[in-house]
Amino acid sequence: MAEIENAIIMAAGLGTRMRPLTYKTPKPLIKVARKPMIESVIEGLHQNEIYDISIVVGYLAEQFNYLGEKFPGVKLINNPYYNQYNNISSLYVARNELKNTMILDGDQLVMNPKLLKREFTHSGYAGAEISQFTDEWIMHPDQNGKILQCDRSGNDHGWRLYSLSKWQAEDSLRLKGYLEEEFEYAHHYDIYWDDIAMFDYFDEFSLYVMPIMANDIIEIDSVDQLKQVDQQLTKRG
């Protein structure tokens, strides 16, 4: 059993699918039920006594500055490559923070804060079982939850991968090394950081599905969906 020591929140992206809202506001700072999404993520981490939080910023980075004052323990890491390269660049600039670490996106709603608990037994990703086709990444585990393969282009069965993962220190060290190899030497700037453990060096890791329910995490990908979720959560109070 390991315990999470810190969290890395990804918040550097352009949020193109949420335009025009993201022309002036980074997606993680868009409000749902009157609160910026990233603040909800931070509060969930605090509920689980995780206070060492690094936020990787890039697009409209200055708008995140207030978070360091509002939430003690939060620090910002600037990604100067955010407009050129894929999100491998975001974890690359935060690689020195990797230990017993949780990595998650800042533009999602974690509706079940128990997912952010510190105790965990294996490195792996949050996943919800599906029964119809989705074009998201789909993990296929064995009966013990160990991931045997992942479909990049989707499937109609398996476990949908969500942007919440936990990493034991030895896997973090391995991940850091491959980040440096891919970014500094191979110059594979166009890949996702998740490609490293899930595809490119899959056999070097033993990753497990952390089972969740489909409504435990809400990923908002359109303005219409934002309006719908905002109305639902505002009514719920």
C-alpha atoms as a PDB file:
ATOM      1  CA  MET A   1       0.000   0.000   0.000  1.00  0.00           C
ATOM      2  CA  ALA A   2       1.333   3.412  -0.990  1.00  0.00           C
ATOM      3  CA  GLU A   3       0.167   6.926  -0.123  1.00  0.00           C
ATOM      4  CA  ILE A   4      -0.123   9.867  -2.471  1.00  0.00           C
ATOM      5  CA  GLU A   5       2.361  12.604  -1.543  1.00  0.00           C
ATOM      6  CA  ASN A   6       1.408  15.221  -4.109  1.00  0.00           C
ATOM      7  CA  ALA A   7      -0.719  16.028  -7.135  1.00  0.00           C
ATOM      8  CA  ILE A   8       0.020  17.444 -10.584  1.00  0.00           C
ATOM      9  CA  ILE A   9      -2.890  19.211 -12.280  1.00  0.00           C
ATOM     10  CA  MET A  10      -2.744  19.742 -16.034  1.00  0.00           C
ATOM     11  CA  ALA A  11      -4.075  23.183 -16.985  1.00  0.00           C
ATOM     12  CA  ALA A  12      -1.947  24.468 -19.869  1.00  0.00           C
ATOM     13  CA  GLY A  13      -4.127  23.703 -22.888  1.00  0.00           C
ATOM     14  CA  LEU A  14      -5.965  26.007 -25.280  1.00  0.00           C
ATOM     15  CA  GLY A  15      -9.412  24.519 -24.673  1.00  0.00           C
ATOM     16  CA  THR A  16     -10.319  24.818 -28.351  1.00  0.00           C
ATOM     17  CA  ARG A  17     -13.502  22.751 -28.064  1.00  0.00           C
ATOM     18  CA  MET A  18     -14.923  25.287 -25.630  1.00  0.00           C
ATOM     19  CA  ARG A  19     -14.506  28.327 -27.857  1.00  0.00           C
ATOM     20  CA  PRO A  20     -15.614  31.123 -27.820  1.00  0.00           C
ATOM     21  CA  LEU A  21     -15.602  30.900 -23.996  1.00  0.00           C
ATOM     22  CA  THR A  22     -11.917  30.025 -23.905  1.00  0.00           C
ATOM     23  CA  TYR A  23     -10.787  32.977 -25.991  1.00  0.00           C
ATOM     24  CA  LYS A  24     -10.589  34.988 -22.771  1.00  0.00           C
ATOM     25  CA  THR A  25     -10.752  32.350 -20.037  1.00  0.00           C
ATOM     26  CA  PRO A  26      -8.675  29.147 -19.746  1.00  0.00           C
ATOM     27  CA  LYS A  27     -10.947  26.120 -19.687  1.00  0.00           C
ATOM     28  CA  PRO A  28     -10.053  25.045 -16.111  1.00  0.00           C
ATOM     29  CA  LEU A  29     -11.168  28.477 -14.883  1.00  0.00           C
ATOM     30  CA  ILE A  30     -14.594  28.295 -16.519  1.00  0.00           C
ATOM     31  CA  LYS A  31     -17.221  28.188 -13.804  1.00  0.00           C
ATOM     32  CA  VAL A  32     -19.645  25.341 -13.254  1.00  0.00           C
ATOM     33  CA  ALA A  33     -22.240  25.980 -10.545  1.00  0.00           C
ATOM     34  CA  ARG A  34     -20.517  29.318  -9.862  1.00  0.00           C
ATOM     35  CA  LYS A  35     -17.094  27.795  -9.196  1.00  0.00           C
ATOM     36  CA  PRO A  36     -14.079  27.389 -11.523  1.00  0.00           C
ATOM     37  CA  MET A  37     -13.602  23.720 -12.345  1.00  0.00           C
ATOM     38  CA  ILE A  38     -10.009  23.692 -11.144  1.00  0.00           C
ATOM     39  CA  GLU A  39     -11.037  25.038  -7.740  1.00  0.00           C
ATOM     40  CA  SER A  40     -13.392  22.084  -7.359  1.00  0.00           C
ATOM     41  CA  VAL A  41     -10.485  19.755  -8.159  1.00  0.00           C
ATOM     42  CA  ILE A  42      -8.227  21.465  -5.601  1.00  0.00           C
ATOM     43  CA  GLU A  43     -10.921  21.344  -2.929  1.00  0.00           C
ATOM     44  CA  GLY A  44     -11.379  17.623  -3.562  1.00  0.00           C
ATOM     45  CA  LEU A  45      -7.650  17.084  -3.088  1.00  0.00           C
ATOM     46  CA  HIS A  46      -7.736  19.086   0.152  1.00  0.00           C
ATOM     47  CA  GLN A  47     -10.629  16.946   1.405  1.00  0.00           C
ATOM     48  CA  ASN A  48      -8.232  14.024   1.065  1.00  0.00           C
ATOM     49  CA  GLU A  49      -5.386  15.873   2.795  1.00  0.00           C
ATOM     50  CA  ILE A  50      -3.376  16.398  -0.378  1.00  0.00           C
ATOM     51  CA  TYR A  51      -1.933  19.907  -0.173  1.00  0.00           C
ATOM     52  CA  ASP A  52       1.269  19.676  -2.226  1.00  0.00           C
ATOM     53  CA  ILE A  53      -0.243  20.577  -5.589  1.00  0.00           C
ATOM     54  CA  SER A  54       1.574  21.620  -8.772  1.00  0.00           C
ATOM     55  CA  ILE A  55      -0.497  23.184 -11.540  1.00  0.00           C
ATOM     56  CA  VAL A  56       1.022  23.176 -15.026  1.00  0.00           C
ATOM     57  CA  VAL A  57      -0.078  26.355 -16.799  1.00  0.00           C
ATOM     58  CA  GLY A  58       0.518  27.784 -20.264  1.00  0.00           C
ATOM     59  CA  TYR A  59      -2.389  29.395 -22.104  1.00  0.00           C
ATOM     60  CA  LEU A  60      -3.406  32.620 -20.327  1.00  0.00           C
ATOM     61  CA  ALA A  61      -1.153  31.496 -17.484  1.00  0.00           C
ATOM     62  CA  GLU A  62      -1.386  34.737 -15.517  1.00  0.00           C
ATOM     63  CA  GLN A  63      -5.061  34.095 -14.799  1.00  0.00           C
ATOM     64  CA  PHE A  64      -4.078  31.190 -12.541  1.00  0.00           C
ATOM     65  CA  ASN A  65      -1.833  33.276 -10.283  1.00  0.00           C
ATOM     66  CA  TYR A  66      -4.513  33.834  -7.644  1.00  0.00           C
ATOM     67  CA  LEU A  67      -4.690  30.105  -6.905  1.00  0.00           C
ATOM     68  CA  GLY A  68      -1.343  30.163  -5.120  1.00  0.00           C
ATOM     69  CA  GLU A  69      -2.669  32.796  -2.739  1.00  0.00           C
ATOM     70  CA  LYS A  70      -6.096  31.239  -2.250  1.00  0.00           C
ATOM     71  CA  PHE A  71      -4.848  27.687  -1.685  1.00  0.00           C
ATOM     72  CA  PRO A  72      -1.672  27.273   0.406  1.00  0.00           C
ATOM     73  CA  GLY A  73       0.563  24.565  -1.025  1.00  0.00           C
ATOM     74  CA  VAL A  74      -0.378  25.279  -4.636  1.00  0.00           C
ATOM     75  CA  LYS A  75       2.469  26.190  -6.960  1.00  0.00           C
ATOM     76  CA  LEU A  76       2.399  26.973 -10.659  1.00  0.00           C
ATOM     77  CA  ILE A  77       4.759  25.452 -13.223  1.00  0.00           C
ATOM     78  CA  ASN A  78       4.904  27.240 -16.562  1.00  0.00           C
ATOM     79  CA  ASN A  79       4.873  25.198 -19.767  1.00  0.00           C
ATOM     80  CA  PRO A  80       6.495  27.380 -22.438  1.00  0.00           C
ATOM     81  CA  TYR A  81       5.729  24.760 -25.086  1.00  0.00           C
ATOM     82  CA  TYR A  82       1.935  24.657 -24.607  1.00  0.00           C
ATOM     83  CA  ASN A  83       1.183  26.271 -27.980  1.00  0.00           C
ATOM     84  CA  GLN A  84       3.658  24.128 -29.946  1.00  0.00           C
ATOM     85  CA  TYR A  85       3.571  20.598 -28.566  1.00  0.00           C
ATOM     86  CA  ASN A  86       1.155  18.013 -27.196  1.00  0.00           C
ATOM     87  CA  ASN A  87       0.650  17.437 -23.482  1.00  0.00           C
ATOM     88  CA  ILE A  88       3.843  15.414 -23.130  1.00  0.00           C
ATOM     89  CA  SER A  89       5.369  18.867 -22.702  1.00  0.00           C
ATOM     90  CA  SER A  90       3.242  19.573 -19.618  1.00  0.00           C
ATOM     91  CA  LEU A  91       4.347  16.507 -17.695  1.00  0.00           C
ATOM     92  CA  TYR A  92       7.902  16.999 -18.939  1.00  0.00           C
ATOM     93  CA  VAL A  93       8.142  20.433 -17.291  1.00  0.00           C
ATOM     94  CA  ALA A  94       6.654  18.961 -14.086  1.00  0.00           C
ATOM     95  CA  ARG A  95       8.718  15.762 -14.146  1.00  0.00           C
ATOM     96  CA  ASN A  96      10.714  16.645 -11.036  1.00  0.00           C
ATOM     97  CA  GLU A  97       7.480  16.563  -9.024  1.00  0.00           C
ATOM     98  CA  LEU A  98       6.889  12.887  -9.800  1.00  0.00           C
ATOM     99  CA  LYS A  99       6.995  10.588  -6.749  1.00  0.00           C
ATOM    100  CA  ASN A 100       3.936   8.930  -5.176  1.00  0.00           C
ATOM    101  CA  THR A 101       1.877  11.230  -7.323  1.00  0.00           C
ATOM    102  CA  MET A 102      -1.646  11.754  -8.597  1.00  0.00           C
ATOM    103  CA  ILE A 103      -1.964  13.289 -12.076  1.00  0.00           C
ATOM    104  CA  LEU A 104      -5.258  14.746 -13.211  1.00  0.00           C
ATOM    105  CA  ASP A 105      -6.750  17.343 -15.525  1.00  0.00           C
ATOM    106  CA  GLY A 106      -7.925  20.676 -14.201  1.00  0.00           C
ATOM    107  CA  ASP A 107     -10.850  20.972 -16.600  1.00  0.00           C
ATOM    108  CA  GLN A 108     -12.981  18.154 -15.232  1.00  0.00           C
ATOM    109  CA  LEU A 109     -15.367  17.701 -12.322  1.00  0.00           C
ATOM    110  CA  VAL A 110     -14.552  14.979  -9.814  1.00  0.00           C
ATOM    111  CA  MET A 111     -18.022  14.324  -8.447  1.00  0.00           C
ATOM    112  CA  ASN A 112     -16.861  11.595  -6.064  1.00  0.00           C
ATOM    113  CA  PRO A 113     -13.998  12.951  -3.919  1.00  0.00           C
ATOM    114  CA  LYS A 114     -13.276   9.438  -2.617  1.00  0.00           C
ATOM    115  CA  LEU A 115     -11.506   8.862  -5.942  1.00  0.00           C
ATOM    116  CA  LEU A 116      -8.826  11.246  -4.700  1.00  0.00           C
ATOM    117  CA  LYS A 117      -7.970   9.271  -1.570  1.00  0.00           C
ATOM    118  CA  ARG A 118      -4.287   9.003  -0.770  1.00  0.00           C
ATOM    119  CA  GLU A 119      -4.054   5.243  -0.247  1.00  0.00           C
ATOM    120  CA  PHE A 120      -3.531   3.075  -3.326  1.00  0.00           C
ATOM    121  CA  THR A 121      -2.050  -0.312  -4.126  1.00  0.00           C
ATOM    122  CA  HIS A 122      -0.983  -0.056  -7.779  1.00  0.00           C
ATOM    123  CA  SER A 123      -0.120   2.562 -10.357  1.00  0.00           C
ATOM    124  CA  GLY A 124      -2.956   3.008 -12.809  1.00  0.00           C
ATOM    125  CA  TYR A 125      -5.835   4.967 -14.274  1.00  0.00           C
ATOM    126  CA  ALA A 126      -9.417   5.609 -13.267  1.00  0.00           C
ATOM    127  CA  GLY A 127     -11.755   3.735 -15.590  1.00  0.00           C
ATOM    128  CA  ALA A 128     -15.489   3.137 -15.984  1.00  0.00           C
ATOM    129  CA  GLU A 129     -16.857   0.008 -17.634  1.00  0.00           C
ATOM    130  CA  ILE A 130     -18.723   0.614 -20.902  1.00  0.00           C
ATOM    131  CA  SER A 131     -21.332  -1.367 -22.821  1.00  0.00           C
ATOM    132  CA  GLN A 132     -21.623   0.724 -25.985  1.00  0.00           C
ATOM    133  CA  PHE A 133     -19.141   2.259 -28.391  1.00  0.00           C
ATOM    134  CA  THR A 134     -17.115   5.305 -27.463  1.00  0.00           C
ATOM    135  CA  ASP A 135     -14.084   6.685 -29.275  1.00  0.00           C
ATOM    136  CA  GLU A 136     -12.263   7.377 -26.007  1.00  0.00           C
ATOM    137  CA  TRP A 137      -9.250   5.298 -24.958  1.00  0.00           C
ATOM    138  CA  ILE A 138     -10.502   1.912 -23.733  1.00  0.00           C
ATOM    139  CA  MET A 139      -8.550  -0.278 -21.317  1.00  0.00           C
ATOM    140  CA  HIS A 140      -8.844  -4.066 -21.185  1.00  0.00           C
ATOM    141  CA  PRO A 141      -7.833  -5.539 -17.806  1.00  0.00           C
ATOM    142  CA  ASP A 142      -7.559  -9.106 -16.578  1.00  0.00           C
ATOM    143  CA  GLN A 143      -9.701 -10.445 -13.722  1.00  0.00           C
ATOM    144  CA  ASN A 144      -7.380  -8.787 -11.202  1.00  0.00           C
ATOM    145  CA  GLY A 145      -7.633  -5.373 -12.828  1.00  0.00           C
ATOM    146  CA  LYS A 146      -4.206  -5.383 -14.469  1.00  0.00           C
ATOM    147  CA  ILE A 147      -4.353  -3.620 -17.826  1.00  0.00           C
ATOM    148  CA  LEU A 148      -3.456  -5.982 -20.672  1.00  0.00           C
ATOM    149  CA  GLN A 149      -3.958  -3.547 -23.543  1.00  0.00           C
ATOM    150  CA  CYS A 150      -5.556  -0.245 -24.490  1.00  0.00           C
ATOM    151  CA  ASP A 151      -7.505   0.718 -27.618  1.00  0.00           C
ATOM    152  CA  ARG A 152      -6.603   4.212 -28.751  1.00  0.00           C
ATOM    153  CA  SER A 153      -9.505   4.513 -31.208  1.00  0.00           C
ATOM    154  CA  GLY A 154     -12.259   3.281 -28.891  1.00  0.00           C
ATOM    155  CA  ASN A 155     -14.356   0.149 -28.469  1.00  0.00           C
ATOM    156  CA  ASP A 156     -17.812  -1.031 -27.434  1.00  0.00           C
ATOM    157  CA  HIS A 157     -16.600  -2.934 -24.385  1.00  0.00           C
ATOM    158  CA  GLY A 158     -13.883  -2.529 -21.799  1.00  0.00           C
ATOM    159  CA  TRP A 159     -13.085   0.296 -19.406  1.00  0.00           C
ATOM    160  CA  ARG A 160     -13.005   3.918 -20.520  1.00  0.00           C
ATOM    161  CA  LEU A 161      -9.868   5.725 -19.387  1.00  0.00           C
ATOM    162  CA  TYR A 162     -10.329   8.954 -17.435  1.00  0.00           C
ATOM    163  CA  SER A 163      -7.759  11.672 -16.822  1.00  0.00           C
ATOM    164  CA  LEU A 164      -7.000  10.678 -13.248  1.00  0.00           C
ATOM    165  CA  SER A 165      -4.049   8.433 -12.521  1.00  0.00           C
ATOM    166  CA  LYS A 166      -1.930   7.462  -9.537  1.00  0.00           C
ATOM    167  CA  TRP A 167       1.745   6.555  -9.701  1.00  0.00           C
ATOM    168  CA  GLN A 168       3.945   4.769  -7.209  1.00  0.00           C
ATOM    169  CA  ALA A 169       7.405   6.227  -6.755  1.00  0.00           C
ATOM    170  CA  GLU A 170       9.234   3.522  -8.704  1.00  0.00           C
ATOM    171  CA  ASP A 171       6.884   3.922 -11.664  1.00  0.00           C
ATOM    172  CA  SER A 172       7.200   7.701 -11.425  1.00  0.00           C
ATOM    173  CA  LEU A 173      10.974   7.393 -11.681  1.00  0.00           C
ATOM    174  CA  ARG A 174      10.571   5.183 -14.733  1.00  0.00           C
ATOM    175  CA  LEU A 175       8.032   7.591 -16.235  1.00  0.00           C
ATOM    176  CA  LYS A 176      10.349  10.544 -15.656  1.00  0.00           C
ATOM    177  CA  GLY A 177      13.185   8.784 -17.472  1.00  0.00           C
ATOM    178  CA  TYR A 178      11.048   7.997 -20.489  1.00  0.00           C
ATOM    179  CA  LEU A 179       9.665  11.552 -20.547  1.00  0.00           C
ATOM    180  CA  GLU A 180      13.206  12.867 -20.829  1.00  0.00           C
ATOM    181  CA  GLU A 181      14.118  10.290 -23.456  1.00  0.00           C
ATOM    182  CA  GLU A 182      11.074  11.025 -25.614  1.00  0.00           C
ATOM    183  CA  PHE A 183      11.138  14.807 -25.244  1.00  0.00           C
ATOM    184  CA  GLU A 184      14.834  15.641 -25.107  1.00  0.00           C
ATOM    185  CA  TYR A 185      16.336  12.979 -27.350  1.00  0.00           C
ATOM    186  CA  ALA A 186      13.644  11.448 -29.589  1.00  0.00           C
ATOM    187  CA  HIS A 187      11.865  14.816 -29.989  1.00  0.00           C
ATOM    188  CA  HIS A 188       8.452  13.145 -29.961  1.00  0.00           C
ATOM    189  CA  TYR A 189       6.644  16.374 -29.202  1.00  0.00           C
ATOM    190  CA  ASP A 190       3.315  15.348 -30.711  1.00  0.00           C
ATOM    191  CA  ILE A 191       2.423  12.522 -28.310  1.00  0.00           C
ATOM    192  CA  TYR A 192       0.349  12.460 -25.156  1.00  0.00           C
ATOM    193  CA  TRP A 193       2.301  11.813 -21.988  1.00  0.00           C
ATOM    194  CA  ASP A 194      -0.007   8.835 -21.401  1.00  0.00           C
ATOM    195  CA  ASP A 195       1.367   7.268 -24.600  1.00  0.00           C
ATOM    196  CA  ILE A 196       4.585   6.519 -22.742  1.00  0.00           C
ATOM    197  CA  ALA A 197       3.169   4.075 -20.204  1.00  0.00           C
ATOM    198  CA  MET A 198       0.086   2.947 -22.091  1.00  0.00           C
ATOM    199  CA  PHE A 199       1.630   2.300 -25.511  1.00  0.00           C
ATOM    200  CA  ASP A 200       5.283   3.139 -26.165  1.00  0.00           C
ATOM    201  CA  TYR A 201       6.760   1.464 -23.062  1.00  0.00           C
ATOM    202  CA  PHE A 202       3.746  -0.552 -21.974  1.00  0.00           C
ATOM    203  CA  ASP A 203       5.755  -3.649 -21.017  1.00  0.00           C
ATOM    204  CA  GLU A 204       7.896  -1.593 -18.630  1.00  0.00           C
ATOM    205  CA  PHE A 205       4.911  -0.792 -16.406  1.00  0.00           C
ATOM    206  CA  SER A 206       2.283  -2.810 -14.526  1.00  0.00           C
ATOM    207  CA  LEU A 207      -0.785  -0.598 -14.584  1.00  0.00           C
ATOM    208  CA  TYR A 208      -4.192  -1.323 -13.109  1.00  0.00           C
ATOM    209  CA  VAL A 209      -7.700   0.013 -13.613  1.00  0.00           C
ATOM    210  CA  MET A 210      -9.065   1.993 -10.665  1.00  0.00           C
ATOM    211  CA  PRO A 211     -12.796   1.247 -11.111  1.00  0.00           C
ATOM    212  CA  ILE A 212     -15.181   4.197 -11.002  1.00  0.00           C
ATOM    213  CA  MET A 213     -18.776   4.825 -11.995  1.00  0.00           C
ATOM    214  CA  ALA A 214     -19.389   6.752 -15.213  1.00  0.00           C
ATOM    215  CA  ASN A 215     -20.800   9.748 -13.341  1.00  0.00           C
ATOM    216  CA  ASP A 216     -17.942   9.960 -10.814  1.00  0.00           C
ATOM    217  CA  ILE A 217     -15.994  12.197 -13.208  1.00  0.00           C
ATOM    218  CA  ILE A 218     -17.565  14.652 -15.645  1.00  0.00           C
ATOM    219  CA  GLU A 219     -15.452  15.776 -18.589  1.00  0.00           C
ATOM    220  CA  ILE A 220     -16.985  18.812 -20.281  1.00  0.00           C
ATOM    221  CA  ASP A 221     -16.180  18.984 -23.986  1.00  0.00           C
ATOM    222  CA  SER A 222     -18.643  21.485 -25.449  1.00  0.00           C
ATOM    223  CA  VAL A 223     -20.422  24.711 -24.600  1.00  0.00           C
ATOM    224  CA  ASP A 224     -23.778  22.931 -24.810  1.00  0.00           C
ATOM    225  CA  GLN A 225     -22.642  20.287 -22.339  1.00  0.00           C
ATOM    226  CA  LEU A 226     -21.334  23.019 -20.046  1.00  0.00           C
ATOM    227  CA  LYS A 227     -24.740  24.697 -19.980  1.00  0.00           C
ATOM    228  CA  GLN A 228     -26.479  21.403 -19.258  1.00  0.00           C
ATOM    229  CA  VAL A 229     -24.143  20.375 -16.439  1.00  0.00           C
ATOM    230  CA  ASP A 230     -24.132  23.884 -14.978  1.00  0.00           C
ATOM    231  CA  GLN A 231     -27.922  23.936 -14.817  1.00  0.00           C
ATOM    232  CA  GLN A 232     -28.079  20.493 -13.209  1.00  0.00           C
ATOM    233  CA  LEU A 233     -25.481  21.244 -10.545  1.00  0.00           C
ATOM    234  CA  THR A 234     -26.801  24.727  -9.820  1.00  0.00           C
ATOM    235  CA  LYS A 235     -30.270  23.304  -9.181  1.00  0.00           C
ATOM    236  CA  ARG A 236     -28.761  20.628  -6.960  1.00  0.00           C
ATOM    237  CA  GLY A 237     -27.159  23.425  -4.972  1.00  0.00           C
END
